[in-house]
């Protein structure tokens, strides 16, 4: 038996093909629109997040600048006391000043920063209960 070849008209339905192409294109446009919306949302989130990071950075740098300036001023003042105590021979005043210098040197402004972070987190939390 000879094999019968199918003709072009018998195997392909042009109307069905067009419907599939239109359906695929419609799905593509719908998904492309959704993805574009997602990209815009991500870009907006990115800008907001970067702005928050920059604001927090400025606060942190300002805090550290003030903290280290204050520490430097305290050290200057205490070393002036040490100098005067040495000149006048006041050993008691020298001992107190050296003790204070040691205590300031042991403390870190970063410790206080951790406390500030927890206070900020509490302020940002609308459900935080404050007790006094």
N, C-alpha and C. Protein backbone atom coordinates (compact mmCIF):
# COMPACT_ATOMS: atom_id res chain seq x y z
N UNK A 1 0.81 -1.18 0.00
CA UNK A 1 0.00 0.00 0.00
C UNK A 1 0.86 1.24 0.00
N UNK A 2 0.55 2.10 -0.90
CA UNK A 2 1.30 3.35 -0.94
C UNK A 2 0.88 4.25 0.23
N UNK A 3 1.85 5.00 0.77
CA UNK A 3 1.59 5.93 1.87
C UNK A 3 1.00 7.19 1.27
N UNK A 4 -0.13 7.57 1.87
CA UNK A 4 -0.83 8.76 1.39
C UNK A 4 -0.25 9.99 2.07
N UNK A 5 0.19 10.94 1.29
CA UNK A 5 0.74 12.17 1.84
C UNK A 5 -0.41 13.11 2.19
N UNK A 6 -0.25 13.73 3.35
CA UNK A 6 -1.28 14.68 3.76
C UNK A 6 -1.01 16.00 3.07
N UNK A 7 -2.05 16.60 2.67
CA UNK A 7 -1.89 17.89 2.02
C UNK A 7 -1.84 18.98 3.08
N UNK A 8 -1.35 20.14 2.74
CA UNK A 8 -1.21 21.29 3.63
C UNK A 8 -2.54 21.67 4.24
N UNK A 9 -3.58 21.63 3.50
CA UNK A 9 -4.90 22.03 3.97
C UNK A 9 -5.46 21.05 4.99
N UNK A 10 -5.08 19.81 4.91
CA UNK A 10 -5.63 18.81 5.82
C UNK A 10 -4.97 18.86 7.20
N UNK A 11 -3.74 19.26 7.31
CA UNK A 11 -3.04 19.18 8.59
C UNK A 11 -3.05 20.48 9.38
N UNK A 12 -3.18 21.59 8.79
CA UNK A 12 -3.11 22.86 9.51
C UNK A 12 -4.42 23.62 9.34
N UNK A 13 -4.95 24.02 10.49
CA UNK A 13 -6.16 24.83 10.49
C UNK A 13 -5.71 26.28 10.68
N UNK A 14 -5.79 27.11 9.67
CA UNK A 14 -5.30 28.49 9.75
C UNK A 14 -6.00 29.29 10.84
N UNK A 15 -7.29 29.11 11.03
CA UNK A 15 -8.02 29.87 12.05
C UNK A 15 -7.52 29.50 13.44
N UNK A 16 -7.30 28.23 13.67
CA UNK A 16 -6.80 27.78 14.97
C UNK A 16 -5.39 28.32 15.21
N UNK A 17 -4.57 28.34 14.18
CA UNK A 17 -3.22 28.87 14.29
C UNK A 17 -3.23 30.34 14.66
N UNK A 18 -4.09 31.10 14.04
CA UNK A 18 -4.19 32.54 14.35
C UNK A 18 -4.67 32.73 15.78
N UNK A 19 -5.64 31.92 16.20
CA UNK A 19 -6.14 32.03 17.57
C UNK A 19 -5.02 31.73 18.58
N UNK A 20 -4.19 30.74 18.29
CA UNK A 20 -3.08 30.40 19.19
C UNK A 20 -2.05 31.52 19.23
N UNK A 21 -1.77 32.11 18.08
CA UNK A 21 -0.81 33.22 18.03
C UNK A 21 -1.35 34.41 18.82
N UNK A 22 -2.62 34.74 18.63
CA UNK A 22 -3.24 35.86 19.36
C UNK A 22 -3.24 35.57 20.86
N UNK A 23 -3.58 34.34 21.23
CA UNK A 23 -3.60 33.96 22.64
C UNK A 23 -2.20 34.06 23.26
N UNK A 24 -1.19 33.57 22.55
CA UNK A 24 0.19 33.63 23.04
C UNK A 24 0.65 35.08 23.17
N UNK A 25 0.32 35.92 22.20
CA UNK A 25 0.71 37.33 22.24
C UNK A 25 0.01 38.04 23.40
N UNK A 26 -1.26 37.73 23.60
CA UNK A 26 -2.01 38.34 24.71
C UNK A 26 -1.39 37.94 26.05
N UNK A 27 -1.05 36.66 26.19
CA UNK A 27 -0.39 36.21 27.42
C UNK A 27 0.95 36.92 27.61
N UNK A 28 1.71 37.05 26.53
CA UNK A 28 3.00 37.72 26.58
C UNK A 28 2.84 39.16 27.06
N UNK A 29 1.90 39.90 26.47
CA UNK A 29 1.69 41.30 26.85
C UNK A 29 1.29 41.42 28.32
N UNK A 30 0.43 40.50 28.75
CA UNK A 30 -0.04 40.52 30.15
C UNK A 30 1.14 40.29 31.11
N UNK A 31 1.95 39.28 30.81
CA UNK A 31 3.10 38.98 31.67
C UNK A 31 4.14 40.09 31.60
N UNK A 32 4.37 40.63 30.41
CA UNK A 32 5.32 41.73 30.28
C UNK A 32 4.87 42.94 31.10
N UNK A 33 3.59 43.22 31.10
CA UNK A 33 3.05 44.33 31.91
C UNK A 33 3.23 44.08 33.39
N UNK A 34 2.97 42.84 33.82
CA UNK A 34 3.14 42.50 35.23
C UNK A 34 4.61 42.64 35.65
N UNK A 35 5.49 42.16 34.81
CA UNK A 35 6.92 42.23 35.12
C UNK A 35 7.40 43.68 35.14
N UNK A 36 6.88 44.50 34.26
CA UNK A 36 7.26 45.92 34.26
C UNK A 36 6.80 46.58 35.56
N UNK A 37 5.60 46.23 36.00
CA UNK A 37 5.09 46.76 37.27
C UNK A 37 5.99 46.32 38.42
N UNK A 38 6.38 45.06 38.41
CA UNK A 38 7.28 44.56 39.46
C UNK A 38 8.61 45.31 39.44
N UNK A 39 9.14 45.57 38.24
CA UNK A 39 10.40 46.30 38.14
C UNK A 39 10.26 47.71 38.72
N UNK A 40 9.14 48.37 38.43
CA UNK A 40 8.91 49.72 38.98
C UNK A 40 8.82 49.67 40.50
N UNK A 41 8.14 48.64 41.02
CA UNK A 41 8.03 48.49 42.48
C UNK A 41 9.40 48.27 43.10
N UNK A 42 10.21 47.44 42.46
CA UNK A 42 11.56 47.18 42.97
C UNK A 42 12.40 48.45 42.92
N UNK A 43 12.30 49.20 41.84
CA UNK A 43 13.06 50.46 41.73
C UNK A 43 12.62 51.45 42.80
N UNK A 44 11.33 51.52 43.07
CA UNK A 44 10.83 52.43 44.12
C UNK A 44 11.33 51.98 45.48
N UNK A 45 11.28 50.67 45.73
CA UNK A 45 11.78 50.12 47.00
C UNK A 45 13.27 50.43 47.13
N UNK A 46 14.01 50.25 46.04
CA UNK A 46 15.44 50.50 46.06
C UNK A 46 15.74 51.96 46.42
N UNK A 47 15.03 52.89 45.79
CA UNK A 47 15.26 54.32 46.08
C UNK A 47 14.93 54.63 47.54
N UNK A 48 13.83 54.10 48.02
CA UNK A 48 13.43 54.33 49.41
C UNK A 48 14.46 53.76 50.37
N UNK A 49 14.90 52.55 50.10
CA UNK A 49 15.87 51.89 50.97
C UNK A 49 17.19 52.64 50.97
N UNK A 50 17.65 53.06 49.82
CA UNK A 50 18.90 53.81 49.74
C UNK A 50 18.78 55.13 50.49
N UNK A 51 17.64 55.79 50.38
CA UNK A 51 17.42 57.05 51.11
C UNK A 51 17.47 56.80 52.62
N UNK A 52 16.85 55.71 53.08
CA UNK A 52 16.89 55.38 54.51
C UNK A 52 18.31 55.10 54.96
N UNK A 53 19.04 54.33 54.16
CA UNK A 53 20.43 54.00 54.52
C UNK A 53 21.26 55.27 54.61
N UNK A 54 21.10 56.17 53.63
CA UNK A 54 21.86 57.43 53.65
C UNK A 54 21.49 58.28 54.86
N UNK A 55 20.22 58.33 55.20
CA UNK A 55 19.80 59.11 56.38
C UNK A 55 20.39 58.51 57.65
N UNK A 56 20.34 57.18 57.76
CA UNK A 56 20.91 56.54 58.94
C UNK A 56 22.42 56.72 58.99
N UNK A 57 23.04 56.71 57.83
CA UNK A 57 24.48 56.92 57.76
C UNK A 57 24.84 58.31 58.27
N UNK A 58 24.08 59.31 57.84
CA UNK A 58 24.35 60.68 58.28
C UNK A 58 24.17 60.82 59.80
N UNK A 59 23.13 60.18 60.32
CA UNK A 59 22.90 60.22 61.77
C UNK A 59 24.06 59.56 62.50
N UNK A 60 24.48 58.40 62.00
CA UNK A 60 25.57 57.66 62.64
C UNK A 60 26.87 58.46 62.58
N UNK A 61 27.18 59.01 61.44
CA UNK A 61 28.42 59.80 61.32
C UNK A 61 28.36 61.02 62.23
N UNK A 62 27.21 61.69 62.27
CA UNK A 62 27.05 62.83 63.17
C UNK A 62 27.24 62.45 64.62
N UNK A 63 26.64 61.32 65.00
CA UNK A 63 26.77 60.84 66.38
C UNK A 63 28.23 60.55 66.71
N UNK A 64 28.89 59.81 65.81
CA UNK A 64 30.28 59.46 66.07
C UNK A 64 31.17 60.69 66.11
N UNK A 65 30.93 61.64 65.22
CA UNK A 65 31.72 62.88 65.25
C UNK A 65 31.55 63.60 66.58
N UNK A 66 30.29 63.76 67.02
CA UNK A 66 30.05 64.45 68.29
C UNK A 66 30.63 63.66 69.46
N UNK A 67 30.46 62.34 69.41
CA UNK A 67 30.95 61.50 70.49
C UNK A 67 32.46 61.57 70.60
N UNK A 68 33.15 61.46 69.48
CA UNK A 68 34.61 61.50 69.53
C UNK A 68 35.11 62.90 69.83
N UNK A 69 34.40 63.93 69.37
CA UNK A 69 34.77 65.30 69.73
C UNK A 69 34.66 65.50 71.24
N UNK A 70 33.57 64.98 71.80
CA UNK A 70 33.36 65.10 73.25
C UNK A 70 34.45 64.35 74.00
N UNK A 71 34.77 63.15 73.54
CA UNK A 71 35.82 62.36 74.19
C UNK A 71 37.17 63.10 74.09
N UNK A 72 37.46 63.65 72.93
CA UNK A 72 38.73 64.36 72.76
C UNK A 72 38.81 65.56 73.71
N UNK A 73 37.71 66.28 73.82
CA UNK A 73 37.68 67.44 74.73
C UNK A 73 37.86 66.99 76.18
N UNK A 74 37.21 65.88 76.55
CA UNK A 74 37.38 65.34 77.92
C UNK A 74 38.83 64.96 78.18
N UNK A 75 39.46 64.30 77.22
CA UNK A 75 40.86 63.93 77.39
C UNK A 75 41.75 65.17 77.52
N UNK A 76 41.51 66.18 76.67
CA UNK A 76 42.30 67.42 76.76
C UNK A 76 42.18 68.05 78.15
N UNK A 77 40.94 68.16 78.62
CA UNK A 77 40.71 68.78 79.92
C UNK A 77 41.38 67.97 81.04
N UNK A 78 41.25 66.65 80.97
CA UNK A 78 41.86 65.82 82.03
C UNK A 78 43.38 65.86 81.97
N UNK A 79 43.97 65.89 80.79
CA UNK A 79 45.43 65.99 80.70
C UNK A 79 45.91 67.36 81.20
N UNK A 80 45.10 68.40 81.03
CA UNK A 80 45.43 69.71 81.62
C UNK A 80 45.44 69.60 83.14
N UNK A 81 44.47 68.87 83.68
CA UNK A 81 44.43 68.65 85.14
C UNK A 81 45.67 67.87 85.57
N UNK A 82 46.04 66.84 84.80
CA UNK A 82 47.25 66.06 85.12
C UNK A 82 48.48 66.98 85.13
N UNK A 83 48.60 67.82 84.10
CA UNK A 83 49.75 68.73 84.03
C UNK A 83 49.80 69.65 85.25
N UNK A 84 48.64 70.23 85.60
CA UNK A 84 48.60 71.13 86.77
C UNK A 84 48.92 70.37 88.06
N UNK A 85 48.40 69.15 88.18
CA UNK A 85 48.65 68.35 89.38
C UNK A 85 50.14 68.02 89.51
N UNK A 86 50.78 67.71 88.37
CA UNK A 86 52.22 67.41 88.40
C UNK A 86 53.01 68.66 88.80
N UNK A 87 52.64 69.81 88.21
CA UNK A 87 53.35 71.07 88.50
C UNK A 87 53.19 71.45 89.96
N UNK A 88 51.98 71.30 90.49
CA UNK A 88 51.73 71.70 91.89
C UNK A 88 52.05 70.59 92.88
N UNK A 89 52.32 69.39 92.39
CA UNK A 89 52.64 68.29 93.29
C UNK A 89 51.41 67.73 93.99
N UNK A 90 50.22 67.92 93.42
CA UNK A 90 48.98 67.45 94.02
C UNK A 90 48.73 66.00 93.57
N UNK A 91 49.24 65.05 94.35
CA UNK A 91 49.13 63.64 93.98
C UNK A 91 47.69 63.13 94.01
N UNK A 92 46.88 63.66 94.89
CA UNK A 92 45.48 63.23 94.97
C UNK A 92 44.72 63.61 93.69
N UNK A 93 44.93 64.86 93.27
CA UNK A 93 44.29 65.33 92.03
C UNK A 93 44.83 64.56 90.82
N UNK A 94 46.12 64.25 90.83
CA UNK A 94 46.74 63.47 89.76
C UNK A 94 46.11 62.08 89.69
N UNK A 95 45.93 61.45 90.84
CA UNK A 95 45.34 60.11 90.88
C UNK A 95 43.92 60.11 90.32
N UNK A 96 43.12 61.09 90.73
CA UNK A 96 41.74 61.18 90.26
C UNK A 96 41.70 61.40 88.74
N UNK A 97 42.52 62.32 88.26
CA UNK A 97 42.53 62.62 86.82
C UNK A 97 42.97 61.41 86.00
N UNK A 98 44.01 60.70 86.45
CA UNK A 98 44.48 59.51 85.74
C UNK A 98 43.43 58.40 85.76
N UNK A 99 42.73 58.28 86.87
CA UNK A 99 41.65 57.28 86.96
C UNK A 99 40.54 57.62 85.95
N UNK A 100 40.16 58.88 85.88
CA UNK A 100 39.12 59.28 84.93
C UNK A 100 39.56 59.08 83.48
N UNK A 101 40.82 59.37 83.18
CA UNK A 101 41.34 59.14 81.83
C UNK A 101 41.24 57.66 81.48
N UNK A 102 41.61 56.81 82.42
CA UNK A 102 41.55 55.37 82.20
C UNK A 102 40.11 54.90 81.97
N UNK A 103 39.18 55.41 82.75
CA UNK A 103 37.77 55.01 82.60
C UNK A 103 37.21 55.45 81.25
N UNK A 104 37.54 56.66 80.84
CA UNK A 104 37.05 57.14 79.53
C UNK A 104 37.67 56.30 78.41
N UNK A 105 38.95 55.97 78.56
CA UNK A 105 39.62 55.18 77.53
C UNK A 105 39.01 53.77 77.44
N UNK A 106 38.56 53.22 78.57
CA UNK A 106 37.96 51.88 78.57
C UNK A 106 36.58 51.88 77.92
N UNK A 107 35.88 52.97 78.05
CA UNK A 107 34.52 53.01 77.49
C UNK A 107 34.59 53.26 75.99
N UNK A 108 33.56 52.82 75.31
CA UNK A 108 33.52 52.98 73.86
C UNK A 108 32.23 53.66 73.46
N UNK A 109 32.30 54.62 72.54
CA UNK A 109 31.07 55.25 72.07
C UNK A 109 30.18 54.26 71.31
N UNK A 110 30.77 53.15 70.86
CA UNK A 110 29.99 52.15 70.13
C UNK A 110 29.03 51.41 71.07
N UNK A 111 29.39 51.33 72.35
CA UNK A 111 28.49 50.72 73.34
C UNK A 111 27.20 51.53 73.42
N UNK A 112 27.36 52.83 73.50
CA UNK A 112 26.19 53.70 73.58
C UNK A 112 25.39 53.65 72.29
N UNK A 113 26.06 53.43 71.19
CA UNK A 113 25.39 53.32 69.91
C UNK A 113 24.43 52.14 69.90
N UNK A 114 24.80 51.04 70.51
CA UNK A 114 23.91 49.88 70.60
C UNK A 114 22.65 50.24 71.38
N UNK A 115 22.82 51.02 72.44
CA UNK A 115 21.66 51.47 73.21
C UNK A 115 20.77 52.38 72.37
N UNK A 116 21.38 53.26 71.59
CA UNK A 116 20.61 54.15 70.73
C UNK A 116 19.83 53.36 69.68
N UNK A 117 20.45 52.31 69.16
CA UNK A 117 19.78 51.48 68.15
C UNK A 117 18.55 50.81 68.74
N UNK A 118 18.64 50.34 69.99
CA UNK A 118 17.48 49.69 70.59
C UNK A 118 16.39 50.71 70.90
N UNK A 119 16.76 51.91 71.28
CA UNK A 119 15.76 52.95 71.52
C UNK A 119 15.07 53.32 70.22
N UNK A 120 15.84 53.46 69.13
CA UNK A 120 15.24 53.78 67.83
C UNK A 120 14.29 52.67 67.39
N UNK A 121 14.68 51.42 67.60
CA UNK A 121 13.81 50.30 67.22
C UNK A 121 12.52 50.35 68.03
N UNK A 122 12.61 50.69 69.30
CA UNK A 122 11.41 50.80 70.13
C UNK A 122 10.53 51.96 69.67
N UNK A 123 11.14 53.06 69.28
CA UNK A 123 10.37 54.20 68.79
C UNK A 123 9.67 53.86 67.47
N UNK A 124 10.33 53.07 66.64
CA UNK A 124 9.74 52.69 65.35
C UNK A 124 8.64 51.65 65.49
N UNK A 125 8.61 50.94 66.62
CA UNK A 125 7.63 49.88 66.84
C UNK A 125 6.37 50.47 67.46
N UNK A 126 5.24 50.50 66.71
CA UNK A 126 4.02 51.09 67.25
C UNK A 126 3.41 50.26 68.39
N UNK A 127 3.81 49.01 68.51
CA UNK A 127 3.27 48.14 69.57
C UNK A 127 4.15 48.11 70.82
N UNK A 128 5.24 48.89 70.80
CA UNK A 128 6.13 48.87 71.96
C UNK A 128 5.43 49.51 73.16
N UNK A 129 5.55 48.87 74.30
CA UNK A 129 4.96 49.39 75.53
C UNK A 129 6.06 50.03 76.36
N UNK A 130 5.88 51.30 76.65
CA UNK A 130 6.86 52.03 77.45
C UNK A 130 6.47 51.95 78.92
N UNK A 131 7.42 51.65 79.77
CA UNK A 131 7.17 51.64 81.21
C UNK A 131 8.12 52.63 81.87
N UNK A 132 7.57 53.39 82.80
CA UNK A 132 8.36 54.39 83.49
C UNK A 132 8.34 54.13 84.97
